[in-house]
Amino acid sequence: MNAHNFLTFVQNQYDFNRANAIMSETNLKNCWKQWFTAELVHMCNQSQSPFITETDVHYPGVAQTDGKSLFLSYHATKGVEAVTEKRNGSRCDFTMNDGAIADASQTNYLEIRCANADLFVKNKDLAKFEADIKRIEALKAANPALQMTALFAFYGAFTSKQVENFKVMDNSNRCTYVLDSALEGSTSIARLCQMARAGEPRLCLAAFSV
């Protein structure tokens, strides 16, 4: 799935007003991921051509000639291992299938991370998003047929110096796009390192696909 196309779909389908209100409340930080996952799945289900969506789906391994199912288990230090026990496999946050964005027969696996800029340093959320990117890159290497996207929903306003911290996620080797909920039209989606500086705090949604 193309990250830019996914963000364009979200831009056309989702009203960010409520998300901005929820993500601005840091006392709700432990609920953000589950809440925003539900918001995105609900958005897909309510679209004109409803997506086929599921949550907590296991990553499949490469199909075996004997017909036995394999699942991929990812560990940050050990890498990826193919396992036969489904319960030992790694899971995504949700999946979607729809021909409006990608091949309707292709399952797209999504990982979600949520944060507020006020907590970036304390919770190391930027490092966690980079870890999600490394996770799907490793899973892709183990099963090239997989289509995956890492999402990072973050709330705040950013200076040029702060945006420099995004370079590890958006550079000559990685292409990450961001949807700025404060902007409209084609200018609302840009490369992550080219996002709008300053302005009022608002929710931005970054996407990296493999």
N, C-alpha and C. Protein backbone atom coordinates (compact mmCIF):
# COMPACT_ATOMS: atom_id res chain seq x y z
N MET A 1 0.85 -1.20 0.00
CA MET A 1 0.00 0.00 0.00
C MET A 1 0.88 1.23 0.00
N ASN A 2 0.54 2.18 -0.81
CA ASN A 2 1.29 3.42 -0.91
C ASN A 2 0.91 4.35 0.24
N ALA A 3 1.91 4.82 1.00
CA ALA A 3 1.65 5.66 2.18
C ALA A 3 0.94 6.96 1.79
N HIS A 4 1.35 7.56 0.68
CA HIS A 4 0.74 8.82 0.25
C HIS A 4 -0.73 8.62 -0.08
N ASN A 5 -1.05 7.53 -0.78
CA ASN A 5 -2.43 7.25 -1.13
C ASN A 5 -3.29 7.00 0.11
N PHE A 6 -2.71 6.31 1.10
CA PHE A 6 -3.46 6.06 2.32
C PHE A 6 -3.77 7.37 3.04
N LEU A 7 -2.79 8.26 3.13
CA LEU A 7 -3.01 9.54 3.80
C LEU A 7 -4.03 10.39 3.04
N THR A 8 -4.02 10.30 1.72
CA THR A 8 -5.02 11.03 0.92
C THR A 8 -6.42 10.51 1.24
N PHE A 9 -6.55 9.20 1.36
CA PHE A 9 -7.84 8.61 1.73
C PHE A 9 -8.29 9.11 3.10
N VAL A 10 -7.39 9.10 4.08
CA VAL A 10 -7.72 9.58 5.42
C VAL A 10 -8.14 11.04 5.37
N GLN A 11 -7.41 11.84 4.62
CA GLN A 11 -7.72 13.26 4.50
C GLN A 11 -9.15 13.48 4.00
N ASN A 12 -9.58 12.65 3.07
CA ASN A 12 -10.91 12.80 2.47
C ASN A 12 -12.03 12.19 3.30
N GLN A 13 -11.68 11.31 4.24
CA GLN A 13 -12.71 10.56 4.97
C GLN A 13 -12.85 10.95 6.44
N TYR A 14 -11.79 11.50 7.04
CA TYR A 14 -11.76 11.62 8.49
C TYR A 14 -11.82 13.08 8.96
N ASP A 15 -12.64 13.33 9.97
CA ASP A 15 -12.73 14.65 10.59
C ASP A 15 -11.79 14.66 11.80
N PHE A 16 -10.74 15.46 11.73
CA PHE A 16 -9.72 15.45 12.76
C PHE A 16 -10.07 16.28 14.00
N ASN A 17 -11.21 16.95 14.01
CA ASN A 17 -11.53 17.82 15.14
C ASN A 17 -11.54 17.06 16.47
N ARG A 18 -12.21 15.92 16.48
CA ARG A 18 -12.28 15.15 17.72
C ARG A 18 -10.91 14.57 18.07
N ALA A 19 -10.18 14.13 17.06
CA ALA A 19 -8.85 13.56 17.31
C ALA A 19 -7.92 14.62 17.91
N ASN A 20 -8.02 15.85 17.42
CA ASN A 20 -7.21 16.92 17.98
C ASN A 20 -7.54 17.14 19.45
N ALA A 21 -8.81 17.07 19.79
CA ALA A 21 -9.23 17.28 21.18
C ALA A 21 -8.71 16.16 22.07
N ILE A 22 -8.84 14.91 21.61
CA ILE A 22 -8.41 13.77 22.41
C ILE A 22 -6.89 13.74 22.58
N MET A 23 -6.17 13.98 21.49
CA MET A 23 -4.71 13.88 21.54
C MET A 23 -4.05 15.05 22.26
N SER A 24 -4.80 16.11 22.50
CA SER A 24 -4.24 17.24 23.23
C SER A 24 -4.28 16.99 24.74
N GLU A 25 -5.03 15.99 25.17
CA GLU A 25 -5.16 15.69 26.60
C GLU A 25 -4.15 14.60 26.99
N THR A 26 -3.05 15.03 27.58
CA THR A 26 -1.99 14.07 27.91
C THR A 26 -2.40 13.06 28.98
N ASN A 27 -3.42 13.39 29.76
CA ASN A 27 -3.88 12.42 30.77
C ASN A 27 -4.55 11.21 30.12
N LEU A 28 -4.82 11.30 28.82
CA LEU A 28 -5.42 10.18 28.09
C LEU A 28 -4.39 9.37 27.31
N LYS A 29 -3.11 9.64 27.54
CA LYS A 29 -2.04 9.05 26.73
C LYS A 29 -2.09 7.53 26.67
N ASN A 30 -2.53 6.88 27.74
CA ASN A 30 -2.57 5.42 27.73
C ASN A 30 -3.74 4.86 26.91
N CYS A 31 -4.62 5.74 26.46
CA CYS A 31 -5.79 5.31 25.68
C CYS A 31 -5.66 5.66 24.20
N TRP A 32 -4.71 6.54 23.87
CA TRP A 32 -4.64 7.07 22.51
C TRP A 32 -4.55 5.98 21.43
N LYS A 33 -3.67 5.03 21.59
CA LYS A 33 -3.46 4.02 20.54
C LYS A 33 -4.72 3.22 20.28
N GLN A 34 -5.34 2.71 21.34
CA GLN A 34 -6.55 1.91 21.16
C GLN A 34 -7.67 2.75 20.56
N TRP A 35 -7.79 3.98 21.03
CA TRP A 35 -8.85 4.86 20.54
C TRP A 35 -8.65 5.19 19.06
N PHE A 36 -7.43 5.55 18.68
CA PHE A 36 -7.19 5.96 17.29
C PHE A 36 -7.26 4.76 16.35
N THR A 37 -6.86 3.60 16.83
CA THR A 37 -7.02 2.38 16.02
C THR A 37 -8.50 2.17 15.71
N ALA A 38 -9.34 2.29 16.73
CA ALA A 38 -10.78 2.13 16.53
C ALA A 38 -11.32 3.19 15.58
N GLU A 39 -10.81 4.42 15.68
CA GLU A 39 -11.24 5.50 14.79
C GLU A 39 -10.92 5.16 13.33
N LEU A 40 -9.73 4.68 13.06
CA LEU A 40 -9.33 4.38 11.69
C LEU A 40 -10.09 3.18 11.13
N VAL A 41 -10.28 2.16 11.96
CA VAL A 41 -11.04 0.99 11.50
C VAL A 41 -12.50 1.39 11.23
N HIS A 42 -13.07 2.20 12.11
CA HIS A 42 -14.44 2.68 11.91
C HIS A 42 -14.52 3.51 10.64
N MET A 43 -13.53 4.35 10.40
CA MET A 43 -13.49 5.16 9.18
C MET A 43 -13.52 4.26 7.94
N CYS A 44 -12.73 3.21 7.94
CA CYS A 44 -12.70 2.28 6.81
C CYS A 44 -14.05 1.60 6.63
N ASN A 45 -14.65 1.17 7.73
CA ASN A 45 -15.93 0.47 7.66
C ASN A 45 -17.06 1.36 7.17
N GLN A 46 -16.94 2.67 7.40
CA GLN A 46 -18.00 3.60 7.03
C GLN A 46 -17.78 4.25 5.66
N SER A 47 -16.71 3.91 4.97
CA SER A 47 -16.44 4.51 3.66
C SER A 47 -17.45 4.00 2.64
N GLN A 48 -17.53 4.68 1.50
CA GLN A 48 -18.51 4.32 0.47
C GLN A 48 -18.28 2.89 -0.02
N SER A 49 -17.03 2.49 -0.13
CA SER A 49 -16.72 1.10 -0.47
C SER A 49 -16.05 0.50 0.75
N PRO A 50 -16.84 -0.09 1.66
CA PRO A 50 -16.30 -0.54 2.93
C PRO A 50 -15.07 -1.44 2.78
N PHE A 51 -14.08 -1.16 3.57
CA PHE A 51 -12.89 -1.99 3.61
C PHE A 51 -13.21 -3.28 4.37
N ILE A 52 -12.45 -4.31 4.07
CA ILE A 52 -12.47 -5.50 4.90
C ILE A 52 -11.38 -5.28 5.94
N THR A 53 -11.77 -5.15 7.19
CA THR A 53 -10.80 -4.82 8.24
C THR A 53 -10.85 -5.87 9.35
N GLU A 54 -9.69 -6.09 9.96
CA GLU A 54 -9.57 -6.96 11.13
C GLU A 54 -8.52 -6.36 12.06
N THR A 55 -8.61 -6.65 13.33
CA THR A 55 -7.61 -6.18 14.29
C THR A 55 -6.80 -7.35 14.83
N ASP A 56 -5.59 -7.04 15.30
CA ASP A 56 -4.71 -8.05 15.91
C ASP A 56 -4.50 -9.27 15.03
N VAL A 57 -4.12 -9.04 13.79
CA VAL A 57 -3.90 -10.13 12.82
C VAL A 57 -2.43 -10.55 12.84
N HIS A 58 -2.18 -11.85 12.84
CA HIS A 58 -0.81 -12.37 12.83
C HIS A 58 -0.17 -12.19 11.46
N TYR A 59 1.14 -11.94 11.48
CA TYR A 59 1.89 -11.84 10.23
C TYR A 59 2.20 -13.24 9.71
N PRO A 60 1.81 -13.54 8.46
CA PRO A 60 2.08 -14.87 7.91
C PRO A 60 3.49 -14.98 7.36
N GLY A 61 4.04 -16.18 7.46
CA GLY A 61 5.33 -16.46 6.84
C GLY A 61 5.14 -16.90 5.40
N VAL A 62 6.23 -17.19 4.73
CA VAL A 62 6.16 -17.66 3.35
C VAL A 62 5.49 -19.04 3.32
N ALA A 63 4.55 -19.23 2.41
CA ALA A 63 3.82 -20.50 2.32
C ALA A 63 4.77 -21.67 2.08
N GLN A 64 4.51 -22.78 2.76
CA GLN A 64 5.34 -23.96 2.63
C GLN A 64 4.75 -24.93 1.62
N THR A 65 5.61 -25.72 0.98
CA THR A 65 5.15 -26.67 -0.05
C THR A 65 4.29 -27.77 0.56
N ASP A 66 4.47 -28.06 1.86
CA ASP A 66 3.66 -29.10 2.49
C ASP A 66 2.32 -28.58 2.99
N GLY A 67 2.05 -27.29 2.72
CA GLY A 67 0.77 -26.72 3.10
C GLY A 67 0.69 -26.25 4.53
N LYS A 68 1.75 -26.45 5.30
CA LYS A 68 1.74 -26.03 6.71
C LYS A 68 1.85 -24.51 6.81
N SER A 69 1.04 -23.92 7.68
CA SER A 69 1.05 -22.48 7.86
C SER A 69 2.20 -22.06 8.78
N LEU A 70 2.86 -21.00 8.40
CA LEU A 70 3.92 -20.43 9.23
C LEU A 70 3.55 -18.99 9.59
N PHE A 71 4.03 -18.55 10.72
CA PHE A 71 3.81 -17.18 11.16
C PHE A 71 5.15 -16.56 11.53
N LEU A 72 5.23 -15.25 11.38
CA LEU A 72 6.48 -14.56 11.65
C LEU A 72 6.48 -14.00 13.07
N SER A 73 7.57 -14.24 13.76
CA SER A 73 7.75 -13.73 15.12
C SER A 73 8.93 -12.77 15.10
N TYR A 74 8.68 -11.51 15.49
CA TYR A 74 9.73 -10.49 15.44
C TYR A 74 10.21 -10.12 16.84
N HIS A 75 11.53 -10.07 17.00
CA HIS A 75 12.14 -9.59 18.23
C HIS A 75 13.18 -8.55 17.85
N ALA A 76 13.19 -7.42 18.54
CA ALA A 76 14.08 -6.32 18.19
C ALA A 76 15.55 -6.74 18.18
N THR A 77 15.94 -7.63 19.09
CA THR A 77 17.34 -8.04 19.18
C THR A 77 17.65 -9.30 18.38
N LYS A 78 16.66 -10.20 18.24
CA LYS A 78 16.89 -11.48 17.56
C LYS A 78 16.48 -11.47 16.10
N GLY A 79 15.69 -10.50 15.69
CA GLY A 79 15.22 -10.46 14.31
C GLY A 79 13.93 -11.23 14.12
N VAL A 80 13.74 -11.78 12.92
CA VAL A 80 12.50 -12.47 12.57
C VAL A 80 12.72 -13.98 12.51
N GLU A 81 11.77 -14.70 13.06
CA GLU A 81 11.79 -16.16 13.05
C GLU A 81 10.45 -16.68 12.57
N ALA A 82 10.46 -17.69 11.72
CA ALA A 82 9.22 -18.34 11.28
C ALA A 82 8.83 -19.40 12.31
N VAL A 83 7.59 -19.34 12.78
CA VAL A 83 7.12 -20.28 13.80
C VAL A 83 5.84 -20.97 13.32
N THR A 84 5.60 -22.16 13.84
CA THR A 84 4.40 -22.90 13.46
C THR A 84 3.25 -22.64 14.42
N GLU A 85 3.57 -22.27 15.66
CA GLU A 85 2.54 -21.97 16.64
C GLU A 85 2.04 -20.53 16.44
N LYS A 86 0.78 -20.38 16.08
CA LYS A 86 0.23 -19.07 15.79
C LYS A 86 0.34 -18.13 16.99
N ARG A 87 0.17 -18.67 18.18
CA ARG A 87 0.20 -17.84 19.38
C ARG A 87 1.57 -17.21 19.62
N ASN A 88 2.61 -17.78 19.00
CA ASN A 88 3.96 -17.24 19.16
C ASN A 88 4.31 -16.21 18.09
N GLY A 89 3.40 -16.00 17.14
CA GLY A 89 3.66 -15.06 16.06
C GLY A 89 3.39 -13.61 16.47
N SER A 90 3.97 -12.68 15.74
CA SER A 90 3.75 -11.25 15.97
C SER A 90 2.47 -10.81 15.27
N ARG A 91 1.82 -9.80 15.82
CA ARG A 91 0.56 -9.31 15.28
C ARG A 91 0.63 -7.82 14.95
N CYS A 92 -0.13 -7.43 13.95
CA CYS A 92 -0.24 -6.01 13.63
C CYS A 92 -1.41 -5.42 14.42
N ASP A 93 -1.60 -4.11 14.33
CA ASP A 93 -2.73 -3.49 15.02
C ASP A 93 -4.03 -3.68 14.26
N PHE A 94 -3.97 -3.56 12.92
CA PHE A 94 -5.15 -3.90 12.12
C PHE A 94 -4.76 -4.10 10.66
N THR A 95 -5.65 -4.75 9.92
CA THR A 95 -5.43 -4.96 8.49
C THR A 95 -6.58 -4.35 7.70
N MET A 96 -6.34 -4.10 6.42
CA MET A 96 -7.38 -3.56 5.55
C MET A 96 -7.17 -4.08 4.14
N ASN A 97 -8.28 -4.28 3.43
CA ASN A 97 -8.27 -4.68 2.02
C ASN A 97 -9.26 -3.79 1.28
N ASP A 98 -8.80 -3.15 0.23
CA ASP A 98 -9.73 -2.39 -0.61
C ASP A 98 -9.04 -1.94 -1.88
N GLY A 99 -9.76 -2.08 -3.00
CA GLY A 99 -9.20 -1.70 -4.28
C GLY A 99 -9.06 -0.22 -4.49
N ALA A 100 -9.67 0.61 -3.64
CA ALA A 100 -9.58 2.06 -3.79
C ALA A 100 -8.17 2.56 -3.52
N ILE A 101 -7.42 1.87 -2.67
CA ILE A 101 -6.07 2.30 -2.33
C ILE A 101 -5.03 1.31 -2.85
N ALA A 102 -5.35 0.04 -2.79
CA ALA A 102 -4.41 -1.00 -3.23
C ALA A 102 -5.21 -2.16 -3.80
N ASP A 103 -4.50 -3.21 -4.19
CA ASP A 103 -5.13 -4.41 -4.70
C ASP A 103 -6.09 -4.98 -3.65
N ALA A 104 -7.36 -5.12 -4.02
CA ALA A 104 -8.37 -5.58 -3.06
C ALA A 104 -8.07 -6.98 -2.53
N SER A 105 -7.30 -7.76 -3.28
CA SER A 105 -6.96 -9.11 -2.84
C SER A 105 -5.75 -9.12 -1.91
N GLN A 106 -5.10 -7.98 -1.78
CA GLN A 106 -3.89 -7.89 -0.96
C GLN A 106 -4.23 -7.38 0.43
N THR A 107 -3.78 -8.11 1.44
CA THR A 107 -3.96 -7.66 2.82
C THR A 107 -2.87 -6.66 3.17
N ASN A 108 -3.27 -5.53 3.72
CA ASN A 108 -2.33 -4.50 4.15
C ASN A 108 -2.30 -4.48 5.68
N TYR A 109 -1.11 -4.65 6.24
CA TYR A 109 -0.92 -4.73 7.69
C TYR A 109 -0.44 -3.37 8.21
N LEU A 110 -1.09 -2.88 9.27
CA LEU A 110 -0.74 -1.56 9.79
C LEU A 110 -0.37 -1.61 11.27
N GLU A 111 0.66 -0.84 11.62
CA GLU A 111 1.10 -0.65 12.99
C GLU A 111 0.84 0.82 13.35
N ILE A 112 0.41 1.09 14.57
CA ILE A 112 0.07 2.46 14.97
C ILE A 112 0.83 2.85 16.23
N ARG A 113 1.33 4.08 16.21
CA ARG A 113 1.97 4.69 17.37
C ARG A 113 1.35 6.07 17.56
N CYS A 114 1.05 6.45 18.79
CA CYS A 114 0.45 7.76 19.08
C CYS A 114 1.29 8.50 20.11
N ALA A 115 1.37 9.83 19.98
CA ALA A 115 2.18 10.60 20.91
C ALA A 115 1.77 12.06 20.91
N ASN A 116 2.20 12.75 21.95
CA ASN A 116 2.05 14.20 22.08
C ASN A 116 3.45 14.78 22.18
N ALA A 117 3.71 15.85 21.46
CA ALA A 117 5.06 16.42 21.41
C ALA A 117 5.59 16.78 22.80
N ASP A 118 4.70 17.10 23.71
CA ASP A 118 5.13 17.44 25.07
C ASP A 118 5.77 16.26 25.77
N LEU A 119 5.50 15.04 25.26
CA LEU A 119 6.01 13.83 25.90
C LEU A 119 7.10 13.14 25.09
N PHE A 120 7.49 13.71 23.96
CA PHE A 120 8.45 13.06 23.08
C PHE A 120 9.73 12.65 23.81
N VAL A 121 10.30 13.58 24.56
CA VAL A 121 11.58 13.30 25.21
C VAL A 121 11.41 12.25 26.30
N LYS A 122 10.40 12.42 27.12
CA LYS A 122 10.18 11.52 28.25
C LYS A 122 9.90 10.09 27.81
N ASN A 123 9.03 9.93 26.83
CA ASN A 123 8.59 8.60 26.43
C ASN A 123 9.34 8.02 25.23
N LYS A 124 10.25 8.81 24.67
CA LYS A 124 11.05 8.35 23.54
C LYS A 124 10.17 7.84 22.39
N ASP A 125 9.09 8.58 22.12
CA ASP A 125 8.13 8.13 21.10
C ASP A 125 8.72 8.12 19.70
N LEU A 126 9.63 9.04 19.39
CA LEU A 126 10.25 9.04 18.07
C LEU A 126 11.07 7.76 17.87
N ALA A 127 11.75 7.34 18.92
CA ALA A 127 12.53 6.09 18.84
C ALA A 127 11.60 4.89 18.67
N LYS A 128 10.44 4.95 19.30
CA LYS A 128 9.48 3.85 19.19
C LYS A 128 8.92 3.77 17.76
N PHE A 129 8.69 4.92 17.13
CA PHE A 129 8.21 4.90 15.75
C PHE A 129 9.29 4.35 14.83
N GLU A 130 10.53 4.74 15.07
CA GLU A 130 11.63 4.19 14.28
C GLU A 130 11.70 2.67 14.48
N ALA A 131 11.45 2.22 15.70
CA ALA A 131 11.45 0.78 15.97
C ALA A 131 10.35 0.08 15.18
N ASP A 132 9.18 0.74 15.03
CA ASP A 132 8.10 0.17 14.23
C ASP A 132 8.52 0.05 12.77
N ILE A 133 9.25 1.07 12.28
CA ILE A 133 9.73 1.03 10.90
C ILE A 133 10.71 -0.13 10.72
N LYS A 134 11.63 -0.28 11.67
CA LYS A 134 12.58 -1.40 11.59
C LYS A 134 11.85 -2.73 11.65
N ARG A 135 10.80 -2.78 12.42
CA ARG A 135 10.01 -4.01 12.56
C ARG A 135 9.42 -4.43 11.22
N ILE A 136 8.75 -3.50 10.53
CA ILE A 136 8.11 -3.88 9.27
C ILE A 136 9.14 -4.09 8.16
N GLU A 137 10.27 -3.41 8.24
CA GLU A 137 11.34 -3.66 7.26
C GLU A 137 11.87 -5.09 7.42
N ALA A 138 12.03 -5.53 8.66
CA ALA A 138 12.52 -6.89 8.91
C ALA A 138 11.49 -7.93 8.49
N LEU A 139 10.22 -7.67 8.77
CA LEU A 139 9.16 -8.59 8.38
C LEU A 139 9.05 -8.68 6.86
N LYS A 140 9.23 -7.56 6.19
CA LYS A 140 9.19 -7.52 4.73
C LYS A 140 10.32 -8.36 4.14
N ALA A 141 11.50 -8.29 4.76
CA ALA A 141 12.63 -9.07 4.28
C ALA A 141 12.36 -10.57 4.44
N ALA A 142 11.63 -10.94 5.49
CA ALA A 142 11.33 -12.34 5.74
C ALA A 142 10.22 -12.86 4.84
N ASN A 143 9.31 -11.98 4.44
CA ASN A 143 8.20 -12.36 3.55
C ASN A 143 7.92 -11.18 2.62
N PRO A 144 8.59 -11.13 1.47
CA PRO A 144 8.47 -10.00 0.54
C PRO A 144 7.05 -9.74 0.04
N ALA A 145 6.16 -10.71 0.18
CA ALA A 145 4.78 -10.53 -0.29
C ALA A 145 3.96 -9.63 0.63
N LEU A 146 4.43 -9.42 1.85
CA LEU A 146 3.68 -8.61 2.81
C LEU A 146 3.67 -7.13 2.40
N GLN A 147 2.52 -6.50 2.62
CA GLN A 147 2.37 -5.06 2.43
C GLN A 147 2.07 -4.45 3.80
N MET A 148 2.95 -3.56 4.27
CA MET A 148 2.83 -3.05 5.63
C MET A 148 3.05 -1.55 5.70
N THR A 149 2.40 -0.93 6.67
CA THR A 149 2.55 0.51 6.90
C THR A 149 2.66 0.79 8.39
N ALA A 150 3.65 1.59 8.76
CA ALA A 150 3.80 2.06 10.13
C ALA A 150 3.21 3.46 10.20
N LEU A 151 2.29 3.69 11.13
CA LEU A 151 1.64 4.98 11.30
C LEU A 151 2.08 5.63 12.61
N PHE A 152 2.23 6.95 12.57
CA PHE A 152 2.61 7.70 13.77
C PHE A 152 1.72 8.93 13.86
N ALA A 153 0.76 8.89 14.78
CA ALA A 153 -0.13 10.04 15.00
C ALA A 153 0.44 10.85 16.16
N PHE A 154 0.81 12.09 15.89
CA PHE A 154 1.41 12.89 16.94
C PHE A 154 0.82 14.30 16.95
N TYR A 155 0.67 14.84 18.15
CA TYR A 155 0.02 16.14 18.35
C TYR A 155 1.04 17.16 18.84
N GLY A 156 1.00 18.36 18.25
CA GLY A 156 1.89 19.42 18.72
C GLY A 156 2.20 20.42 17.63
N ALA A 157 3.10 21.35 17.93
CA ALA A 157 3.63 22.32 16.98
C ALA A 157 5.15 22.20 17.03
N PHE A 158 5.81 22.34 15.89
CA PHE A 158 7.22 21.98 15.83
C PHE A 158 8.08 23.07 15.18
N THR A 159 9.25 23.28 15.75
CA THR A 159 10.22 24.21 15.20
C THR A 159 11.09 23.46 14.18
N SER A 160 11.86 24.19 13.41
CA SER A 160 12.75 23.56 12.44
C SER A 160 13.75 22.65 13.14
N LYS A 161 14.23 23.05 14.30
CA LYS A 161 15.18 22.24 15.05
C LYS A 161 14.55 20.91 15.47
N GLN A 162 13.28 20.97 15.90
CA GLN A 162 12.60 19.75 16.31
C GLN A 162 12.34 18.81 15.13
N VAL A 163 12.02 19.39 13.98
CA VAL A 163 11.75 18.58 12.79
C VAL A 163 13.01 17.84 12.34
N GLU A 164 14.18 18.38 12.68
CA GLU A 164 15.43 17.70 12.35
C GLU A 164 15.46 16.29 12.94
N ASN A 165 14.76 16.11 14.07
CA ASN A 165 14.75 14.80 14.72
C ASN A 165 14.02 13.74 13.90
N PHE A 166 13.23 14.18 12.89
CA PHE A 166 12.48 13.25 12.07
C PHE A 166 13.33 12.64 10.94
N LYS A 167 14.56 13.13 10.77
CA LYS A 167 15.36 12.72 9.62
C LYS A 167 15.63 11.22 9.57
N VAL A 168 15.68 10.59 10.72
CA VAL A 168 15.95 9.16 10.72
C VAL A 168 14.80 8.37 10.11
N MET A 169 13.58 8.98 10.12
CA MET A 169 12.42 8.33 9.52
C MET A 169 12.15 8.77 8.08
N ASP A 170 12.79 9.86 7.66
CA ASP A 170 12.55 10.39 6.31
C ASP A 170 13.87 10.93 5.76
N ASN A 171 14.46 10.19 4.85
CA ASN A 171 15.77 10.55 4.31
C ASN A 171 15.94 9.92 2.93
N SER A 172 17.17 9.82 2.47
CA SER A 172 17.40 9.26 1.13
C SER A 172 17.11 7.77 1.06
N ASN A 173 17.06 7.10 2.21
CA ASN A 173 16.79 5.66 2.23
C ASN A 173 15.36 5.31 2.63
N ARG A 174 14.71 6.20 3.37
CA ARG A 174 13.34 5.99 3.81
C ARG A 174 12.48 7.17 3.40
N CYS A 175 11.29 6.86 2.88
CA CYS A 175 10.36 7.91 2.47
C CYS A 175 9.12 7.85 3.36
N THR A 176 8.97 8.83 4.24
CA THR A 176 7.82 8.89 5.13
C THR A 176 7.03 10.15 4.84
N TYR A 177 5.72 10.00 4.66
CA TYR A 177 4.85 11.14 4.40
C TYR A 177 4.07 11.50 5.66
N VAL A 178 3.60 12.74 5.72
CA VAL A 178 2.82 13.18 6.87
C VAL A 178 1.61 13.99 6.40
N LEU A 179 0.49 13.74 7.03
CA LEU A 179 -0.74 14.50 6.80
C LEU A 179 -0.90 15.48 7.95
N ASP A 180 -0.93 16.78 7.64
CA ASP A 180 -1.08 17.84 8.64
C ASP A 180 -2.56 18.22 8.70
N SER A 181 -3.21 17.96 9.82
CA SER A 181 -4.65 18.19 9.92
C SER A 181 -5.02 19.67 9.93
N ALA A 182 -4.02 20.56 10.07
CA ALA A 182 -4.30 22.00 10.07
C ALA A 182 -4.32 22.59 8.67
N LEU A 183 -3.91 21.80 7.68
CA LEU A 183 -3.84 22.28 6.30
C LEU A 183 -4.91 21.62 5.45
N GLU A 184 -5.14 22.18 4.26
CA GLU A 184 -6.13 21.63 3.34
C GLU A 184 -5.51 21.45 1.96
N GLY A 185 -6.16 20.60 1.17
CA GLY A 185 -5.71 20.41 -0.19
C GLY A 185 -4.39 19.67 -0.29
N SER A 186 -3.71 19.85 -1.43
CA SER A 186 -2.48 19.11 -1.70
C SER A 186 -1.35 19.47 -0.75
N THR A 187 -1.40 20.66 -0.15
CA THR A 187 -0.32 21.07 0.75
C THR A 187 -0.38 20.35 2.10
N SER A 188 -1.47 19.66 2.38
CA SER A 188 -1.61 19.01 3.68
C SER A 188 -0.78 17.74 3.81
N ILE A 189 -0.33 17.18 2.67
CA ILE A 189 0.49 15.97 2.70
C ILE A 189 1.87 16.29 2.12
N ALA A 190 2.90 15.99 2.89
CA ALA A 190 4.26 16.30 2.47
C ALA A 190 5.21 15.25 3.03
N ARG A 191 6.46 15.29 2.59
CA ARG A 191 7.48 14.46 3.21
C ARG A 191 7.60 14.89 4.68
N LEU A 192 7.87 13.96 5.55
CA LEU A 192 7.89 14.24 6.98
C LEU A 192 8.86 15.37 7.33
N CYS A 193 10.03 15.37 6.73
CA CYS A 193 11.02 16.40 7.04
C CYS A 193 10.68 17.75 6.42
N GLN A 194 9.63 17.79 5.61
CA GLN A 194 9.21 19.05 5.00
C GLN A 194 7.88 19.54 5.58
N MET A 195 7.48 18.95 6.71
CA MET A 195 6.22 19.34 7.32
C MET A 195 6.25 20.80 7.75
N ALA A 196 5.06 21.40 7.89
CA ALA A 196 4.95 22.81 8.26
C ALA A 196 5.50 23.03 9.66
N ARG A 197 6.29 24.09 9.80
CA ARG A 197 6.85 24.44 11.09
C ARG A 197 5.90 25.34 11.87
N ALA A 198 6.10 25.34 13.20
CA ALA A 198 5.35 26.23 14.10
C ALA A 198 3.85 26.07 13.91
N GLY A 199 3.10 27.18 13.95
CA GLY A 199 1.65 27.10 13.87
C GLY A 199 1.05 26.67 15.19
N GLU A 200 -0.27 26.46 15.19
CA GLU A 200 -0.95 26.01 16.39
C GLU A 200 -0.77 24.50 16.56
N PRO A 201 -0.79 24.01 17.79
CA PRO A 201 -0.70 22.55 17.99
C PRO A 201 -1.84 21.84 17.25
N ARG A 202 -1.52 20.75 16.61
CA ARG A 202 -2.53 19.99 15.85
C ARG A 202 -2.04 18.57 15.66
N LEU A 203 -2.93 17.69 15.22
CA LEU A 203 -2.58 16.29 14.99
C LEU A 203 -2.00 16.12 13.61
N CYS A 204 -0.88 15.41 13.54
CA CYS A 204 -0.27 15.04 12.27
C CYS A 204 -0.20 13.52 12.20
N LEU A 205 -0.38 12.97 11.02
CA LEU A 205 -0.36 11.52 10.85
C LEU A 205 0.72 11.15 9.83
N ALA A 206 1.78 10.52 10.31
CA ALA A 206 2.88 10.10 9.42
C ALA A 206 2.68 8.65 9.02
N ALA A 207 3.13 8.31 7.81
CA ALA A 207 2.98 6.95 7.30
C ALA A 207 4.21 6.53 6.52
N PHE A 208 4.71 5.34 6.83
CA PHE A 208 5.85 4.74 6.12
C PHE A 208 5.42 3.35 5.67
N SER A 209 5.55 3.07 4.37
CA SER A 209 5.10 1.79 3.83
C SER A 209 6.24 1.00 3.21
N VAL A 210 6.13 -0.32 3.30
CA VAL A 210 7.06 -1.22 2.62
C VAL A 210 6.25 -2.29 1.89
